[in-house]
Amino acid sequence: MFHSPIIQKISPSQARKVLADNGLFVNENEAKIMLDFLYNLAYLTKTVFYEKSNSLCTGKHRGANKRI
C-alpha cells in the first residue's frame, strides 16, 4: 500500500470514536484502512492540484492548457 509522507495526526482509536458517535461502528483495522485511504487521498489532492510543478492546469482559467 502507498503511504503518503503526511504526518498522521488522528489515531485509529480516535477515528473509531468519532465514527461510533455518528452511528458507524468499525474495528481498529477498518479504521486504519479508512485513515490510510483518506491520508493518501489528501496527499494526492495536494500534489496534483495545488503544487505548481504537478498542476494539471496552467494559465488563468481552470481547464486551460491541460497537460496530457
Protein backbone atom coordinates (compact mmCIF):
# COMPACT_ATOMS: atom_id res chain seq x y z
CA MET A 1 0.00 0.00 0.00
CA PHE A 2 1.19 3.51 -0.81
CA HIS A 3 1.95 5.59 2.25
CA SER A 4 1.94 9.33 1.84
CA PRO A 5 4.56 11.46 3.61
CA ILE A 6 1.86 13.25 5.60
CA ILE A 7 2.10 13.47 9.36
CA GLN A 8 -0.84 11.44 10.57
CA LYS A 9 -2.49 13.23 13.46
CA ILE A 10 -5.56 11.06 14.04
CA SER A 11 -5.16 7.63 15.57
CA PRO A 12 -7.39 4.71 14.54
CA SER A 13 -8.91 4.70 18.04
CA GLN A 14 -9.82 8.39 17.74
CA ALA A 15 -11.36 7.71 14.32
CA ARG A 16 -13.36 4.79 15.77
CA LYS A 17 -14.75 7.07 18.49
CA VAL A 18 -15.80 9.77 16.02
CA LEU A 19 -17.40 7.20 13.73
CA ALA A 20 -19.17 5.47 16.65
CA ASP A 21 -20.53 8.82 17.85
CA ASN A 22 -22.14 9.11 14.42
CA GLY A 23 -23.56 5.59 14.35
CA LEU A 24 -20.89 3.77 12.32
CA PHE A 25 -19.19 1.02 14.29
CA VAL A 26 -15.87 -0.25 12.89
CA ASN A 27 -12.97 -2.22 14.31
CA GLU A 28 -9.41 -0.95 14.70
CA ASN A 29 -8.21 -2.45 11.40
CA GLU A 30 -11.11 -0.97 9.42
CA ALA A 31 -10.46 2.45 10.96
CA LYS A 32 -6.78 2.20 9.99
CA ILE A 33 -7.70 1.32 6.40
CA MET A 34 -10.11 4.28 6.23
CA LEU A 35 -7.48 6.65 7.60
CA ASP A 36 -4.83 5.37 5.17
CA PHE A 37 -7.23 5.97 2.29
CA LEU A 38 -8.09 9.49 3.46
CA TYR A 39 -4.46 10.47 4.06
CA ASN A 40 -3.48 9.14 0.61
CA LEU A 41 -6.38 11.00 -1.00
CA ALA A 42 -5.35 14.21 0.75
CA TYR A 43 -1.74 13.76 -0.37
CA LEU A 44 -2.72 13.11 -3.99
CA THR A 45 -5.09 16.08 -4.00
CA LYS A 46 -2.33 18.30 -2.66
CA THR A 47 0.29 17.15 -5.14
CA VAL A 48 -1.93 17.06 -8.22
CA PHE A 49 -3.99 20.20 -7.76
CA TYR A 50 -2.00 22.54 -5.56
CA GLU A 51 1.68 22.11 -6.37
CA LYS A 52 2.66 24.12 -9.42
CA SER A 53 5.12 21.55 -10.76
CA ASN A 54 2.45 18.84 -10.84
CA SER A 55 -0.51 21.01 -11.82
CA LEU A 56 -2.91 19.65 -14.40
CA CYS A 57 -3.83 23.15 -15.48
CA THR A 58 -1.79 26.21 -16.27
CA GLY A 59 -2.89 29.73 -17.02
CA LYS A 60 -5.57 31.94 -15.52
CA HIS A 61 -8.59 29.76 -16.25
CA ARG A 62 -9.13 26.35 -14.80
CA GLY A 63 -9.04 23.75 -17.54
CA ALA A 64 -6.95 25.83 -19.93
CA ASN A 65 -3.86 24.17 -21.39
CA LYS A 66 -4.40 20.76 -19.83
CA ARG A 67 -1.26 18.65 -19.59
CA ILE A 68 -1.57 15.30 -21.31
